[in-house]
Amino acid sequence: VELADAASARGAETTYALIVELTLLLTGRLARAAATGGLAEPVAGEGPLAAAVAARPAQAPLWAEAATRIAAATSHARAVNLDPGQTIMDTFLDLDATLARAGAAG
């Protein structure tokens, strides 16, 4: 909730863009990790996450689809001037649902 609030504050366009970019980077890296069997150079905390939800090839499409959905939703939200905070909340709910599906597929 705090990230969503920070993204919707006046003058927080850079914060919003950073949250979206990092989220897309993470989902892309998880898709790649699942498809290739691991992360080449994991950053702090990324290795255990990938091992839990991106360790099998069957999980790769889940993360790739999540990245595509999030990119489309955030692009649409920006184009029609939707509330950035709500967009971030929707994005995190999508990530939560994808985490559950990926965990079940593992």
PDB file of N, CA and C in Angstrom:
ATOM      1  N   VAL A   1       0.829  -1.181   0.000  1.00  0.00           N
ATOM      2  CA  VAL A   1       0.000   0.000   0.000  1.00  0.00           C
ATOM      3  C   VAL A   1       0.879   1.252   0.000  1.00  0.00           C
ATOM      4  N   GLU A   2       1.988   1.203   0.732  1.00  0.00           N
ATOM      5  CA  GLU A   2       2.857   2.378   0.790  1.00  0.00           C
ATOM      6  C   GLU A   2       3.464   2.691  -0.574  1.00  0.00           C
ATOM      7  N   LEU A   3       3.825   1.653  -1.334  1.00  0.00           N
ATOM      8  CA  LEU A   3       4.354   1.898  -2.683  1.00  0.00           C
ATOM      9  C   LEU A   3       3.285   2.502  -3.582  1.00  0.00           C
ATOM     10  N   ALA A   4       2.065   2.014  -3.471  1.00  0.00           N
ATOM     11  CA  ALA A   4       0.973   2.565  -4.267  1.00  0.00           C
ATOM     12  C   ALA A   4       0.728   4.020  -3.901  1.00  0.00           C
ATOM     13  N   ASP A   5       0.746   4.320  -2.609  1.00  0.00           N
ATOM     14  CA  ASP A   5       0.578   5.710  -2.169  1.00  0.00           C
ATOM     15  C   ASP A   5       1.709   6.591  -2.685  1.00  0.00           C
ATOM     16  N   ALA A   6       2.930   6.080  -2.612  1.00  0.00           N
ATOM     17  CA  ALA A   6       4.080   6.850  -3.098  1.00  0.00           C
ATOM     18  C   ALA A   6       3.972   7.109  -4.595  1.00  0.00           C
ATOM     19  N   ALA A   7       3.447   6.142  -5.343  1.00  0.00           N
ATOM     20  CA  ALA A   7       3.329   6.297  -6.798  1.00  0.00           C
ATOM     21  C   ALA A   7       2.232   7.273  -7.188  1.00  0.00           C
ATOM     22  N   SER A   8       1.262   7.485  -6.297  1.00  0.00           N
ATOM     23  CA  SER A   8       0.150   8.368  -6.648  1.00  0.00           C
ATOM     24  C   SER A   8       0.302   9.781  -6.090  1.00  0.00           C
ATOM     25  N   ALA A   9       1.369  10.033  -5.369  1.00  0.00           N
ATOM     26  CA  ALA A   9       1.594  11.372  -4.826  1.00  0.00           C
ATOM     27  C   ALA A   9       1.882  12.366  -5.956  1.00  0.00           C
ATOM     28  N   ARG A  10       1.568  13.597  -5.689  1.00  0.00           N
ATOM     29  CA  ARG A  10       1.826  14.655  -6.675  1.00  0.00           C
ATOM     30  C   ARG A  10       3.326  14.703  -6.984  1.00  0.00           C
ATOM     31  N   GLY A  11       3.662  14.709  -8.265  1.00  0.00           N
ATOM     32  CA  GLY A  11       5.052  14.786  -8.686  1.00  0.00           C
ATOM     33  C   GLY A  11       5.807  13.469  -8.600  1.00  0.00           C
ATOM     34  N   ALA A  12       5.082  12.355  -8.474  1.00  0.00           N
ATOM     35  CA  ALA A  12       5.737  11.058  -8.281  1.00  0.00           C
ATOM     36  C   ALA A  12       5.814  10.240  -9.567  1.00  0.00           C
ATOM     37  N   GLU A  13       5.840  10.900 -10.697  1.00  0.00           N
ATOM     38  CA  GLU A  13       5.891  10.189 -11.971  1.00  0.00           C
ATOM     39  C   GLU A  13       7.122   9.297 -12.069  1.00  0.00           C
ATOM     40  N   THR A  14       8.236   9.771 -11.561  1.00  0.00           N
ATOM     41  CA  THR A  14       9.466   8.989 -11.601  1.00  0.00           C
ATOM     42  C   THR A  14       9.356   7.758 -10.708  1.00  0.00           C
ATOM     43  N   THR A  15       8.755   7.917  -9.550  1.00  0.00           N
ATOM     44  CA  THR A  15       8.554   6.784  -8.637  1.00  0.00           C
ATOM     45  C   THR A  15       7.672   5.733  -9.287  1.00  0.00           C
ATOM     46  N   TYR A  16       6.571   6.168  -9.892  1.00  0.00           N
ATOM     47  CA  TYR A  16       5.664   5.257 -10.584  1.00  0.00           C
ATOM     48  C   TYR A  16       6.400   4.507 -11.696  1.00  0.00           C
ATOM     49  N   ALA A  17       7.131   5.244 -12.515  1.00  0.00           N
ATOM     50  CA  ALA A  17       7.867   4.629 -13.624  1.00  0.00           C
ATOM     51  C   ALA A  17       8.897   3.625 -13.110  1.00  0.00           C
ATOM     52  N   LEU A  18       9.566   3.927 -12.012  1.00  0.00           N
ATOM     53  CA  LEU A  18      10.558   3.027 -11.437  1.00  0.00           C
ATOM     54  C   LEU A  18       9.905   1.746 -10.915  1.00  0.00           C
ATOM     55  N   ILE A  19       8.781   1.867 -10.230  1.00  0.00           N
ATOM     56  CA  ILE A  19       8.077   0.689  -9.731  1.00  0.00           C
ATOM     57  C   ILE A  19       7.652  -0.203 -10.888  1.00  0.00           C
ATOM     58  N   VAL A  20       7.104   0.392 -11.928  1.00  0.00           N
ATOM     59  CA  VAL A  20       6.673  -0.384 -13.101  1.00  0.00           C
ATOM     60  C   VAL A  20       7.866  -1.048 -13.760  1.00  0.00           C
ATOM     61  N   GLU A  21       8.933  -0.317 -13.965  1.00  0.00           N
ATOM     62  CA  GLU A  21      10.116  -0.868 -14.634  1.00  0.00           C
ATOM     63  C   GLU A  21      10.735  -2.016 -13.832  1.00  0.00           C
ATOM     64  N   LEU A  22      10.851  -1.848 -12.533  1.00  0.00           N
ATOM     65  CA  LEU A  22      11.417  -2.914 -11.699  1.00  0.00           C
ATOM     66  C   LEU A  22      10.515  -4.147 -11.660  1.00  0.00           C
ATOM     67  N   THR A  23       9.216  -3.929 -11.650  1.00  0.00           N
ATOM     68  CA  THR A  23       8.273  -5.052 -11.674  1.00  0.00           C
ATOM     69  C   THR A  23       8.388  -5.818 -12.975  1.00  0.00           C
ATOM     70  N   LEU A  24       8.477  -5.105 -14.083  1.00  0.00           N
ATOM     71  CA  LEU A  24       8.634  -5.768 -15.387  1.00  0.00           C
ATOM     72  C   LEU A  24       9.979  -6.477 -15.483  1.00  0.00           C
ATOM     73  N   LEU A  25      11.010  -5.884 -14.933  1.00  0.00           N
ATOM     74  CA  LEU A  25      12.325  -6.522 -14.920  1.00  0.00           C
ATOM     75  C   LEU A  25      12.280  -7.827 -14.124  1.00  0.00           C
ATOM     76  N   LEU A  26      11.644  -7.796 -12.967  1.00  0.00           N
ATOM     77  CA  LEU A  26      11.541  -8.995 -12.145  1.00  0.00           C
ATOM     78  C   LEU A  26      10.752 -10.097 -12.852  1.00  0.00           C
ATOM     79  N   THR A  27       9.597  -9.757 -13.407  1.00  0.00           N
ATOM     80  CA  THR A  27       8.795 -10.792 -14.068  1.00  0.00           C
ATOM     81  C   THR A  27       9.536 -11.370 -15.267  1.00  0.00           C
ATOM     82  N   GLY A  28      10.252 -10.545 -15.992  1.00  0.00           N
ATOM     83  CA  GLY A  28      11.053 -11.044 -17.115  1.00  0.00           C
ATOM     84  C   GLY A  28      12.171 -11.959 -16.659  1.00  0.00           C
ATOM     85  N   ARG A  29      12.821 -11.585 -15.572  1.00  0.00           N
ATOM     86  CA  ARG A  29      13.908 -12.433 -15.048  1.00  0.00           C
ATOM     87  C   ARG A  29      13.375 -13.755 -14.519  1.00  0.00           C
ATOM     88  N   LEU A  30      12.192 -13.734 -13.903  1.00  0.00           N
ATOM     89  CA  LEU A  30      11.607 -14.986 -13.427  1.00  0.00           C
ATOM     90  C   LEU A  30      11.201 -15.876 -14.589  1.00  0.00           C
ATOM     91  N   ALA A  31      10.680 -15.286 -15.655  1.00  0.00           N
ATOM     92  CA  ALA A  31      10.341 -16.079 -16.848  1.00  0.00           C
ATOM     93  C   ALA A  31      11.596 -16.721 -17.434  1.00  0.00           C
ATOM     94  N   ARG A  32      12.660 -15.949 -17.516  1.00  0.00           N
ATOM     95  CA  ARG A  32      13.923 -16.458 -18.055  1.00  0.00           C
ATOM     96  C   ARG A  32      14.516 -17.537 -17.148  1.00  0.00           C
ATOM     97  N   ALA A  33      14.422 -17.328 -15.839  1.00  0.00           N
ATOM     98  CA  ALA A  33      14.948 -18.315 -14.891  1.00  0.00           C
ATOM     99  C   ALA A  33      14.211 -19.632 -15.029  1.00  0.00           C
ATOM    100  N   ALA A  34      12.899 -19.585 -15.162  1.00  0.00           N
ATOM    101  CA  ALA A  34      12.114 -20.813 -15.302  1.00  0.00           C
ATOM    102  C   ALA A  34      12.434 -21.506 -16.619  1.00  0.00           C
ATOM    103  N   ALA A  35      12.606 -20.729 -17.666  1.00  0.00           N
ATOM    104  CA  ALA A  35      12.869 -21.311 -18.986  1.00  0.00           C
ATOM    105  C   ALA A  35      14.265 -21.905 -19.101  1.00  0.00           C
ATOM    106  N   THR A  36      15.230 -21.307 -18.401  1.00  0.00           N
ATOM    107  CA  THR A  36      16.624 -21.737 -18.561  1.00  0.00           C
ATOM    108  C   THR A  36      17.167 -22.541 -17.385  1.00  0.00           C
ATOM    109  N   GLY A  37      16.386 -22.655 -16.325  1.00  0.00           N
ATOM    110  CA  GLY A  37      16.838 -23.445 -15.188  1.00  0.00           C
ATOM    111  C   GLY A  37      17.538 -22.665 -14.098  1.00  0.00           C
ATOM    112  N   GLY A  38      17.483 -21.352 -14.142  1.00  0.00           N
ATOM    113  CA  GLY A  38      18.084 -20.563 -13.068  1.00  0.00           C
ATOM    114  C   GLY A  38      18.507 -19.185 -13.523  1.00  0.00           C
ATOM    115  N   LEU A  39      18.866 -18.363 -12.556  1.00  0.00           N
ATOM    116  CA  LEU A  39      19.331 -17.007 -12.845  1.00  0.00           C
ATOM    117  C   LEU A  39      20.843 -17.007 -12.980  1.00  0.00           C
ATOM    118  N   ALA A  40      21.342 -16.331 -13.987  1.00  0.00           N
ATOM    119  CA  ALA A  40      22.788 -16.258 -14.207  1.00  0.00           C
ATOM    120  C   ALA A  40      23.479 -15.503 -13.077  1.00  0.00           C
ATOM    121  N   GLU A  41      22.940 -14.345 -12.714  1.00  0.00           N
ATOM    122  CA  GLU A  41      23.529 -13.521 -11.668  1.00  0.00           C
ATOM    123  C   GLU A  41      22.420 -12.965 -10.781  1.00  0.00           C
ATOM    124  N   PRO A  42      21.938 -13.762  -9.829  1.00  0.00           N
ATOM    125  CA  PRO A  42      20.848 -13.275  -8.975  1.00  0.00           C
ATOM    126  C   PRO A  42      21.305 -12.147  -8.053  1.00  0.00           C
ATOM    127  N   VAL A  43      20.409 -11.203  -7.833  1.00  0.00           N
ATOM    128  CA  VAL A  43      20.675 -10.142  -6.864  1.00  0.00           C
ATOM    129  C   VAL A  43      20.140 -10.607  -5.514  1.00  0.00           C
ATOM    130  N   ALA A  44      20.419  -9.863  -4.467  1.00  0.00           N
ATOM    131  CA  ALA A  44      20.024 -10.251  -3.109  1.00  0.00           C
ATOM    132  C   ALA A  44      18.546 -10.599  -3.032  1.00  0.00           C
ATOM    133  N   GLY A  45      18.258 -11.783  -2.525  1.00  0.00           N
ATOM    134  CA  GLY A  45      16.889 -12.225  -2.346  1.00  0.00           C
ATOM    135  C   GLY A  45      16.241 -12.843  -3.568  1.00  0.00           C
ATOM    136  N   GLU A  46      16.838 -12.665  -4.710  1.00  0.00           N
ATOM    137  CA  GLU A  46      16.246 -13.141  -5.958  1.00  0.00           C
ATOM    138  C   GLU A  46      16.397 -14.653  -6.135  1.00  0.00           C
ATOM    139  N   GLY A  47      17.505 -15.207  -5.673  1.00  0.00           N
ATOM    140  CA  GLY A  47      17.754 -16.635  -5.831  1.00  0.00           C
ATOM    141  C   GLY A  47      16.708 -17.499  -5.158  1.00  0.00           C
ATOM    142  N   PRO A  48      16.411 -17.265  -3.864  1.00  0.00           N
ATOM    143  CA  PRO A  48      15.379 -18.068  -3.209  1.00  0.00           C
ATOM    144  C   PRO A  48      13.993 -17.898  -3.840  1.00  0.00           C
ATOM    145  N   LEU A  49      13.686 -16.687  -4.279  1.00  0.00           N
ATOM    146  CA  LEU A  49      12.399 -16.458  -4.939  1.00  0.00           C
ATOM    147  C   LEU A  49      12.310 -17.263  -6.227  1.00  0.00           C
ATOM    148  N   ALA A  50      13.358 -17.187  -7.046  1.00  0.00           N
ATOM    149  CA  ALA A  50      13.364 -17.926  -8.308  1.00  0.00           C
ATOM    150  C   ALA A  50      13.304 -19.427  -8.060  1.00  0.00           C
ATOM    151  N   ALA A  51      13.993 -19.897  -7.035  1.00  0.00           N
ATOM    152  CA  ALA A  51      13.971 -21.331  -6.722  1.00  0.00           C
ATOM    153  C   ALA A  51      12.575 -21.781  -6.322  1.00  0.00           C
ATOM    154  N   ALA A  52      11.821 -20.909  -5.687  1.00  0.00           N
ATOM    155  CA  ALA A  52      10.487 -21.267  -5.219  1.00  0.00           C
ATOM    156  C   ALA A  52       9.424 -21.187  -6.305  1.00  0.00           C
ATOM    157  N   VAL A  53       9.527 -20.203  -7.204  1.00  0.00           N
ATOM    158  CA  VAL A  53       8.419 -19.978  -8.157  1.00  0.00           C
ATOM    159  C   VAL A  53       8.848 -19.922  -9.616  1.00  0.00           C
ATOM    160  N   ALA A  54      10.110 -20.184  -9.897  1.00  0.00           N
ATOM    161  CA  ALA A  54      10.573 -20.121 -11.291  1.00  0.00           C
ATOM    162  C   ALA A  54      11.662 -21.152 -11.545  1.00  0.00           C
ATOM    163  N   ALA A  55      11.475 -22.351 -11.019  1.00  0.00           N
ATOM    164  CA  ALA A  55      12.508 -23.379 -11.152  1.00  0.00           C
ATOM    165  C   ALA A  55      12.200 -24.404 -12.239  1.00  0.00           C
ATOM    166  N   ARG A  56      11.004 -24.383 -12.786  1.00  0.00           N
ATOM    167  CA  ARG A  56      10.592 -25.387 -13.767  1.00  0.00           C
ATOM    168  C   ARG A  56      10.140 -24.716 -15.060  1.00  0.00           C
ATOM    169  N   PRO A  57      10.407 -25.344 -16.190  1.00  0.00           N
ATOM    170  CA  PRO A  57       9.995 -24.765 -17.471  1.00  0.00           C
ATOM    171  C   PRO A  57       8.492 -24.472 -17.562  1.00  0.00           C
ATOM    172  N   ALA A  58       7.667 -25.251 -16.865  1.00  0.00           N
ATOM    173  CA  ALA A  58       6.216 -25.018 -16.901  1.00  0.00           C
ATOM    174  C   ALA A  58       5.834 -23.677 -16.277  1.00  0.00           C
ATOM    175  N   GLN A  59       6.706 -23.113 -15.465  1.00  0.00           N
ATOM    176  CA  GLN A  59       6.421 -21.831 -14.825  1.00  0.00           C
ATOM    177  C   GLN A  59       6.776 -20.643 -15.717  1.00  0.00           C
ATOM    178  N   ALA A  60       7.600 -20.856 -16.714  1.00  0.00           N
ATOM    179  CA  ALA A  60       8.044 -19.756 -17.576  1.00  0.00           C
ATOM    180  C   ALA A  60       6.883 -19.024 -18.252  1.00  0.00           C
ATOM    181  N   PRO A  61       5.916 -19.729 -18.849  1.00  0.00           N
ATOM    182  CA  PRO A  61       4.813 -19.004 -19.488  1.00  0.00           C
ATOM    183  C   PRO A  61       3.992 -18.170 -18.508  1.00  0.00           C
ATOM    184  N   LEU A  62       3.885 -18.627 -17.273  1.00  0.00           N
ATOM    185  CA  LEU A  62       3.131 -17.858 -16.279  1.00  0.00           C
ATOM    186  C   LEU A  62       3.763 -16.489 -16.067  1.00  0.00           C
ATOM    187  N   TRP A  63       5.089 -16.468 -15.950  1.00  0.00           N
ATOM    188  CA  TRP A  63       5.794 -15.202 -15.727  1.00  0.00           C
ATOM    189  C   TRP A  63       5.837 -14.352 -16.986  1.00  0.00           C
ATOM    190  N   ALA A  64       5.993 -14.984 -18.134  1.00  0.00           N
ATOM    191  CA  ALA A  64       5.994 -14.224 -19.386  1.00  0.00           C
ATOM    192  C   ALA A  64       4.633 -13.575 -19.623  1.00  0.00           C
ATOM    193  N   GLU A  65       3.575 -14.319 -19.350  1.00  0.00           N
ATOM    194  CA  GLU A  65       2.227 -13.759 -19.501  1.00  0.00           C
ATOM    195  C   GLU A  65       1.979 -12.644 -18.498  1.00  0.00           C
ATOM    196  N   ALA A  66       2.479 -12.806 -17.282  1.00  0.00           N
ATOM    197  CA  ALA A  66       2.331 -11.745 -16.274  1.00  0.00           C
ATOM    198  C   ALA A  66       3.037 -10.477 -16.730  1.00  0.00           C
ATOM    199  N   ALA A  67       4.235 -10.624 -17.254  1.00  0.00           N
ATOM    200  CA  ALA A  67       4.970  -9.452 -17.740  1.00  0.00           C
ATOM    201  C   ALA A  67       4.203  -8.756 -18.856  1.00  0.00           C
ATOM    202  N   THR A  68       3.627  -9.534 -19.748  1.00  0.00           N
ATOM    203  CA  THR A  68       2.855  -8.960 -20.859  1.00  0.00           C
ATOM    204  C   THR A  68       1.610  -8.246 -20.341  1.00  0.00           C
ATOM    205  N   ARG A  69       0.893  -8.881 -19.419  1.00  0.00           N
ATOM    206  CA  ARG A  69      -0.315  -8.260 -18.844  1.00  0.00           C
ATOM    207  C   ARG A  69       0.019  -6.962 -18.121  1.00  0.00           C
ATOM    208  N   ILE A  70       1.081  -7.009 -17.322  1.00  0.00           N
ATOM    209  CA  ILE A  70       1.456  -5.824 -16.544  1.00  0.00           C
ATOM    210  C   ILE A  70       1.898  -4.691 -17.460  1.00  0.00           C
ATOM    211  N   ALA A  71       2.678  -5.015 -18.479  1.00  0.00           N
ATOM    212  CA  ALA A  71       3.113  -3.981 -19.427  1.00  0.00           C
ATOM    213  C   ALA A  71       1.913  -3.346 -20.124  1.00  0.00           C
ATOM    214  N   ALA A  72       0.969  -4.171 -20.554  1.00  0.00           N
ATOM    215  CA  ALA A  72      -0.214  -3.649 -21.244  1.00  0.00           C
ATOM    216  C   ALA A  72      -1.076  -2.813 -20.301  1.00  0.00           C
ATOM    217  N   ALA A  73      -1.276  -3.312 -19.087  1.00  0.00           N
ATOM    218  CA  ALA A  73      -2.125  -2.595 -18.132  1.00  0.00           C
ATOM    219  C   ALA A  73      -1.521  -1.258 -17.722  1.00  0.00           C
ATOM    220  N   THR A  74      -0.228  -1.233 -17.465  1.00  0.00           N
ATOM    221  CA  THR A  74       0.399   0.023 -17.046  1.00  0.00           C
ATOM    222  C   THR A  74       0.483   1.016 -18.202  1.00  0.00           C
ATOM    223  N   SER A  75       0.694   0.515 -19.399  1.00  0.00           N
ATOM    224  CA  SER A  75       0.707   1.396 -20.572  1.00  0.00           C
ATOM    225  C   SER A  75      -0.683   2.000 -20.800  1.00  0.00           C
ATOM    226  N   HIS A  76      -1.704   1.167 -20.692  1.00  0.00           N
ATOM    227  CA  HIS A  76      -3.078   1.649 -20.851  1.00  0.00           C
ATOM    228  C   HIS A  76      -3.414   2.663 -19.751  1.00  0.00           C
ATOM    229  N   ALA A  77      -3.039   2.358 -18.529  1.00  0.00           N
ATOM    230  CA  ALA A  77      -3.329   3.251 -17.413  1.00  0.00           C
ATOM    231  C   ALA A  77      -2.708   4.625 -17.626  1.00  0.00           C
ATOM    232  N   ARG A  78      -1.487   4.625 -18.131  1.00  0.00           N
ATOM    233  CA  ARG A  78      -0.819   5.913 -18.397  1.00  0.00           C
ATOM    234  C   ARG A  78      -1.510   6.654 -19.547  1.00  0.00           C
ATOM    235  N   ALA A  79      -1.905   5.906 -20.577  1.00  0.00           N
ATOM    236  CA  ALA A  79      -2.531   6.523 -21.753  1.00  0.00           C
ATOM    237  C   ALA A  79      -3.866   7.179 -21.434  1.00  0.00           C
ATOM    238  N   VAL A  80      -4.625   6.595 -20.533  1.00  0.00           N
ATOM    239  CA  VAL A  80      -5.940   7.150 -20.207  1.00  0.00           C
ATOM    240  C   VAL A  80      -5.956   7.849 -18.846  1.00  0.00           C
ATOM    241  N   ASN A  81      -4.775   8.067 -18.286  1.00  0.00           N
ATOM    242  CA  ASN A  81      -4.602   8.841 -17.056  1.00  0.00           C
ATOM    243  C   ASN A  81      -5.344   8.240 -15.857  1.00  0.00           C
ATOM    244  N   LEU A  82      -5.190   6.919 -15.681  1.00  0.00           N
ATOM    245  CA  LEU A  82      -5.755   6.265 -14.500  1.00  0.00           C
ATOM    246  C   LEU A  82      -4.881   6.542 -13.292  1.00  0.00           C
ATOM    247  N   ASP A  83      -5.455   6.354 -12.126  1.00  0.00           N
ATOM    248  CA  ASP A  83      -4.756   6.601 -10.869  1.00  0.00           C
ATOM    249  C   ASP A  83      -3.533   5.696 -10.757  1.00  0.00           C
ATOM    250  N   PRO A  84      -2.340   6.265 -10.648  1.00  0.00           N
ATOM    251  CA  PRO A  84      -1.133   5.448 -10.549  1.00  0.00           C
ATOM    252  C   PRO A  84      -1.138   4.511  -9.338  1.00  0.00           C
ATOM    253  N   GLY A  85      -1.663   4.972  -8.214  1.00  0.00           N
ATOM    254  CA  GLY A  85      -1.700   4.137  -7.021  1.00  0.00           C
ATOM    255  C   GLY A  85      -2.563   2.905  -7.228  1.00  0.00           C
ATOM    256  N   GLN A  86      -3.722   3.081  -7.849  1.00  0.00           N
ATOM    257  CA  GLN A  86      -4.596   1.946  -8.115  1.00  0.00           C
ATOM    258  C   GLN A  86      -3.954   1.004  -9.125  1.00  0.00           C
ATOM    259  N   THR A  87      -3.260   1.566 -10.087  1.00  0.00           N
ATOM    260  CA  THR A  87      -2.575   0.737 -11.086  1.00  0.00           C
ATOM    261  C   THR A  87      -1.500  -0.120 -10.419  1.00  0.00           C
ATOM    262  N   ILE A  88      -0.761   0.458  -9.486  1.00  0.00           N
ATOM    263  CA  ILE A  88       0.266  -0.306  -8.768  1.00  0.00           C
ATOM    264  C   ILE A  88      -0.398  -1.389  -7.913  1.00  0.00           C
ATOM    265  N   MET A  89      -1.495  -1.075  -7.237  1.00  0.00           N
ATOM    266  CA  MET A  89      -2.198  -2.088  -6.453  1.00  0.00           C
ATOM    267  C   MET A  89      -2.681  -3.233  -7.348  1.00  0.00           C
ATOM    268  N   ASP A  90      -3.251  -2.893  -8.500  1.00  0.00           N
ATOM    269  CA  ASP A  90      -3.696  -3.923  -9.440  1.00  0.00           C
ATOM    270  C   ASP A  90      -2.521  -4.773  -9.914  1.00  0.00           C
ATOM    271  N   THR A  91      -1.393  -4.127 -10.146  1.00  0.00           N
ATOM    272  CA  THR A  91      -0.190  -4.840 -10.578  1.00  0.00           C
ATOM    273  C   THR A  91       0.269  -5.825  -9.510  1.00  0.00           C
ATOM    274  N   PHE A  92       0.270  -5.397  -8.263  1.00  0.00           N
ATOM    275  CA  PHE A  92       0.710  -6.280  -7.189  1.00  0.00           C
ATOM    276  C   PHE A  92      -0.280  -7.415  -6.944  1.00  0.00           C
ATOM    277  N   LEU A  93      -1.562  -7.159  -7.150  1.00  0.00           N
ATOM    278  CA  LEU A  93      -2.547  -8.242  -7.060  1.00  0.00           C
ATOM    279  C   LEU A  93      -2.324  -9.262  -8.173  1.00  0.00           C
ATOM    280  N   ASP A  94      -1.975  -8.790  -9.359  1.00  0.00           N
ATOM    281  CA  ASP A  94      -1.651  -9.689 -10.467  1.00  0.00           C
ATOM    282  C   ASP A  94      -0.410 -10.517 -10.115  1.00  0.00           C
ATOM    283  N   LEU A  95       0.602  -9.865  -9.562  1.00  0.00           N
ATOM    284  CA  LEU A  95       1.808 -10.592  -9.143  1.00  0.00           C
ATOM    285  C   LEU A  95       1.486 -11.647  -8.083  1.00  0.00           C
ATOM    286  N   ASP A  96       0.632 -11.301  -7.151  1.00  0.00           N
ATOM    287  CA  ASP A  96       0.254 -12.244  -6.101  1.00  0.00           C
ATOM    288  C   ASP A  96      -0.443 -13.469  -6.696  1.00  0.00           C
ATOM    289  N   ALA A  97      -1.343 -13.241  -7.628  1.00  0.00           N
ATOM    290  CA  ALA A  97      -2.034 -14.356  -8.281  1.00  0.00           C
ATOM    291  C   ALA A  97      -1.055 -15.204  -9.089  1.00  0.00           C
ATOM    292  N   THR A  98      -0.112 -14.567  -9.744  1.00  0.00           N
ATOM    293  CA  THR A  98       0.884 -15.303 -10.528  1.00  0.00           C
ATOM    294  C   THR A  98       1.792 -16.108  -9.619  1.00  0.00           C
ATOM    295  N   LEU A  99       2.181 -15.534  -8.485  1.00  0.00           N
ATOM    296  CA  LEU A  99       2.983 -16.272  -7.503  1.00  0.00           C
ATOM    297  C   LEU A  99       2.250 -17.534  -7.054  1.00  0.00           C
ATOM    298  N   ALA A 100       0.962 -17.430  -6.804  1.00  0.00           N
ATOM    299  CA  ALA A 100       0.188 -18.598  -6.367  1.00  0.00           C
ATOM    300  C   ALA A 100       0.147 -19.663  -7.461  1.00  0.00           C
ATOM    301  N   ARG A 101      -0.102 -19.241  -8.713  1.00  0.00           N
ATOM    302  CA  ARG A 101      -0.146 -20.201  -9.820  1.00  0.00           C
ATOM    303  C   ARG A 101       1.221 -20.825 -10.051  1.00  0.00           C
ATOM    304  N   ALA A 102       2.281 -20.017  -9.981  1.00  0.00           N
ATOM    305  CA  ALA A 102       3.630 -20.548 -10.200  1.00  0.00           C
ATOM    306  C   ALA A 102       4.022 -21.514  -9.088  1.00  0.00           C
ATOM    307  N   GLY A 103       3.644 -21.194  -7.862  1.00  0.00           N
ATOM    308  CA  GLY A 103       3.933 -22.097  -6.754  1.00  0.00           C
ATOM    309  C   GLY A 103       3.217 -23.427  -6.922  1.00  0.00           C
ATOM    310  N   ALA A 104       1.999 -23.382  -7.415  1.00  0.00           N
ATOM    311  CA  ALA A 104       1.236 -24.607  -7.636  1.00  0.00           C
ATOM    312  C   ALA A 104       1.797 -25.413  -8.806  1.00  0.00           C
ATOM    313  N   ALA A 105       2.375 -24.709  -9.790  1.00  0.00           N
ATOM    314  CA  ALA A 105       2.937 -25.388 -10.960  1.00  0.00           C
ATOM    315  C   ALA A 105       4.316 -25.995 -10.659  1.00  0.00           C
ATOM    316  N   GLY A 106       4.917 -25.578  -9.563  1.00  0.00           N
ATOM    317  CA  GLY A 106       6.253 -26.041  -9.219  1.00  0.00           C
ATOM    318  C   GLY A 106       6.189 -27.364  -8.561  1.00  0.00           C
TER     319      GLY A 106
END
